[in-house]
């Protein structure tokens, strides 16, 4: 994934003019092997998870609704870094029929 950050500086000159300088920084995240290791606890229809998501620290929240737990809403946040925003994922899983599990998100 390619991330781009652009910053700018305006310099005011003594003659009343100004100049604008900008710098663009690009960072490429390479594809590599990533690990998941989590611990979870279910409270009624809600599951709280925490641990390593894609080889970085993170947490998740799963809500099981309707149809005897056949519909699940999930939110995950991981890869917390002071220089950029964390990764956040939302998706829905459904068990509609035997051996068919659609996911959207």
C-alpha atoms as a PDB file:
ATOM      1  CA  UNK A   1       0.000   0.000   0.000  1.00  0.00           C
ATOM      2  CA  UNK A   2       1.333   3.418  -0.927  1.00  0.00           C
ATOM      3  CA  UNK A   3       0.921   6.237   1.586  1.00  0.00           C
ATOM      4  CA  UNK A   4       1.645   9.866   0.674  1.00  0.00           C
ATOM      5  CA  UNK A   5       2.122  12.836   3.002  1.00  0.00           C
ATOM      6  CA  UNK A   6       2.496  16.383   1.630  1.00  0.00           C
ATOM      7  CA  UNK A   7       3.590  19.321   3.772  1.00  0.00           C
ATOM      8  CA  UNK A   8       3.996  22.961   2.783  1.00  0.00           C
ATOM      9  CA  UNK A   9       5.762  26.079   4.017  1.00  0.00           C
ATOM     10  CA  UNK A  10       4.968  29.699   3.133  1.00  0.00           C
ATOM     11  CA  UNK A  11       7.856  32.163   3.502  1.00  0.00           C
ATOM     12  CA  UNK A  12       7.079  35.890   3.617  1.00  0.00           C
ATOM     13  CA  UNK A  13       9.804  38.052   2.042  1.00  0.00           C
ATOM     14  CA  UNK A  14      10.789  41.575   3.241  1.00  0.00           C
ATOM     15  CA  UNK A  15       9.578  43.146  -0.037  1.00  0.00           C
ATOM     16  CA  UNK A  16       6.022  41.911   0.636  1.00  0.00           C
ATOM     17  CA  UNK A  17       6.196  38.850  -1.631  1.00  0.00           C
ATOM     18  CA  UNK A  18       6.005  35.257  -0.529  1.00  0.00           C
ATOM     19  CA  UNK A  19       7.219  31.862  -1.625  1.00  0.00           C
ATOM     20  CA  UNK A  20       5.695  28.434  -1.163  1.00  0.00           C
ATOM     21  CA  UNK A  21       7.743  25.289  -0.740  1.00  0.00           C
ATOM     22  CA  UNK A  22       6.338  21.818  -0.384  1.00  0.00           C
ATOM     23  CA  UNK A  23       7.681  18.372   0.296  1.00  0.00           C
ATOM     24  CA  UNK A  24       6.037  15.066  -0.531  1.00  0.00           C
ATOM     25  CA  UNK A  25       6.959  11.940   1.411  1.00  0.00           C
ATOM     26  CA  UNK A  26       5.919   8.525   0.102  1.00  0.00           C
ATOM     27  CA  UNK A  27       6.062   5.291   2.027  1.00  0.00           C
ATOM     28  CA  UNK A  28       5.475   1.877   0.474  1.00  0.00           C
ATOM     29  CA  UNK A  29       4.262  -1.000   2.637  1.00  0.00           C
ATOM     30  CA  UNK A  30       5.553  -4.247   1.185  1.00  0.00           C
ATOM     31  CA  UNK A  31       3.621  -7.490   1.089  1.00  0.00           C
ATOM     32  CA  UNK A  32       5.039  -9.901   3.605  1.00  0.00           C
ATOM     33  CA  UNK A  33       4.009 -12.787   5.819  1.00  0.00           C
ATOM     34  CA  UNK A  34       1.806 -11.536   8.661  1.00  0.00           C
ATOM     35  CA  UNK A  35       0.683 -13.295  11.833  1.00  0.00           C
ATOM     36  CA  UNK A  36      -2.523 -13.243  13.845  1.00  0.00           C
ATOM     37  CA  UNK A  37      -2.640 -14.303  17.509  1.00  0.00           C
ATOM     38  CA  UNK A  38      -5.584 -13.140  19.568  1.00  0.00           C
ATOM     39  CA  UNK A  39      -7.386 -13.808  22.799  1.00  0.00           C
ATOM     40  CA  UNK A  40     -11.127 -13.223  23.022  1.00  0.00           C
ATOM     41  CA  UNK A  41     -13.960 -13.182  25.519  1.00  0.00           C
ATOM     42  CA  UNK A  42     -17.670 -13.370  24.674  1.00  0.00           C
ATOM     43  CA  UNK A  43     -20.217 -11.416  26.693  1.00  0.00           C
ATOM     44  CA  UNK A  44     -23.725 -12.325  25.527  1.00  0.00           C
ATOM     45  CA  UNK A  45     -23.808 -11.258  21.827  1.00  0.00           C
ATOM     46  CA  UNK A  46     -20.493  -9.342  21.883  1.00  0.00           C
ATOM     47  CA  UNK A  47     -16.953 -10.694  21.504  1.00  0.00           C
ATOM     48  CA  UNK A  48     -13.975  -8.531  22.514  1.00  0.00           C
ATOM     49  CA  UNK A  49     -10.619  -9.532  20.989  1.00  0.00           C
ATOM     50  CA  UNK A  50      -7.067  -8.317  21.444  1.00  0.00           C
ATOM     51  CA  UNK A  51      -3.596  -9.369  20.383  1.00  0.00           C
ATOM     52  CA  UNK A  52      -1.516  -9.408  17.217  1.00  0.00           C
ATOM     53  CA  UNK A  53      -3.435  -8.518  14.044  1.00  0.00           C
ATOM     54  CA  UNK A  54      -1.315  -8.569  10.884  1.00  0.00           C
ATOM     55  CA  UNK A  55       1.819  -8.780  13.065  1.00  0.00           C
ATOM     56  CA  UNK A  56       0.985  -5.548  14.946  1.00  0.00           C
ATOM     57  CA  UNK A  57      -0.914  -4.857  18.157  1.00  0.00           C
ATOM     58  CA  UNK A  58      -4.629  -4.320  17.856  1.00  0.00           C
ATOM     59  CA  UNK A  59      -8.124  -5.134  19.007  1.00  0.00           C
ATOM     60  CA  UNK A  60     -11.453  -6.172  17.561  1.00  0.00           C
ATOM     61  CA  UNK A  61     -15.116  -6.213  18.435  1.00  0.00           C
ATOM     62  CA  UNK A  62     -17.617  -8.716  17.042  1.00  0.00           C
ATOM     63  CA  UNK A  63     -21.391  -8.449  17.477  1.00  0.00           C
ATOM     64  CA  UNK A  64     -23.485 -11.538  16.728  1.00  0.00           C
ATOM     65  CA  UNK A  65     -27.043 -10.774  15.694  1.00  0.00           C
ATOM     66  CA  UNK A  66     -30.125 -12.496  14.367  1.00  0.00           C
ATOM     67  CA  UNK A  67     -30.723 -15.985  13.103  1.00  0.00           C
ATOM     68  CA  UNK A  68     -28.956 -17.849  15.932  1.00  0.00           C
ATOM     69  CA  UNK A  69     -25.563 -16.111  15.453  1.00  0.00           C
ATOM     70  CA  UNK A  70     -25.709 -16.353  11.650  1.00  0.00           C
ATOM     71  CA  UNK A  71     -24.990 -12.631  11.144  1.00  0.00           C
ATOM     72  CA  UNK A  72     -21.832 -11.044  12.565  1.00  0.00           C
ATOM     73  CA  UNK A  73     -20.715  -7.389  12.476  1.00  0.00           C
ATOM     74  CA  UNK A  74     -16.971  -6.854  13.024  1.00  0.00           C
ATOM     75  CA  UNK A  75     -14.719  -3.854  13.654  1.00  0.00           C
ATOM     76  CA  UNK A  76     -10.914  -4.083  13.946  1.00  0.00           C
ATOM     77  CA  UNK A  77      -8.198  -1.503  14.616  1.00  0.00           C
ATOM     78  CA  UNK A  78      -4.471  -2.261  14.462  1.00  0.00           C
ATOM     79  CA  UNK A  79      -1.042  -0.958  13.395  1.00  0.00           C
ATOM     80  CA  UNK A  80      -1.017   2.011  15.777  1.00  0.00           C
ATOM     81  CA  UNK A  81       1.877   4.299  14.860  1.00  0.00           C
ATOM     82  CA  UNK A  82       2.489   7.890  15.934  1.00  0.00           C
ATOM     83  CA  UNK A  83       3.457   8.874  12.366  1.00  0.00           C
ATOM     84  CA  UNK A  84       0.263   7.669  10.660  1.00  0.00           C
ATOM     85  CA  UNK A  85      -3.316   6.628  11.332  1.00  0.00           C
ATOM     86  CA  UNK A  86      -4.115   3.049  12.379  1.00  0.00           C
ATOM     87  CA  UNK A  87      -5.691   0.525  10.033  1.00  0.00           C
ATOM     88  CA  UNK A  88      -9.417   0.190  10.704  1.00  0.00           C
ATOM     89  CA  UNK A  89     -11.607  -2.496   9.142  1.00  0.00           C
ATOM     90  CA  UNK A  90     -15.369  -3.056   9.241  1.00  0.00           C
ATOM     91  CA  UNK A  91     -17.131  -6.050   7.762  1.00  0.00           C
ATOM     92  CA  UNK A  92     -20.202  -8.291   7.930  1.00  0.00           C
ATOM     93  CA  UNK A  93     -20.245 -12.095   7.858  1.00  0.00           C
ATOM     94  CA  UNK A  94     -23.374 -14.126   7.190  1.00  0.00           C
ATOM     95  CA  UNK A  95     -24.097 -17.860   7.351  1.00  0.00           C
ATOM     96  CA  UNK A  96     -26.930 -18.081   4.854  1.00  0.00           C
ATOM     97  CA  UNK A  97     -26.827 -21.728   3.845  1.00  0.00           C
ATOM     98  CA  UNK A  98     -24.699 -24.773   4.618  1.00  0.00           C
ATOM     99  CA  UNK A  99     -21.146 -24.168   3.296  1.00  0.00           C
ATOM    100  CA  UNK A 100     -21.870 -20.633   1.999  1.00  0.00           C
ATOM    101  CA  UNK A 101     -20.386 -17.770   4.060  1.00  0.00           C
ATOM    102  CA  UNK A 102     -20.517 -14.380   2.285  1.00  0.00           C
ATOM    103  CA  UNK A 103     -18.453 -11.511   3.735  1.00  0.00           C
ATOM    104  CA  UNK A 104     -18.742  -7.812   2.874  1.00  0.00           C
ATOM    105  CA  UNK A 105     -16.594  -4.945   4.045  1.00  0.00           C
END
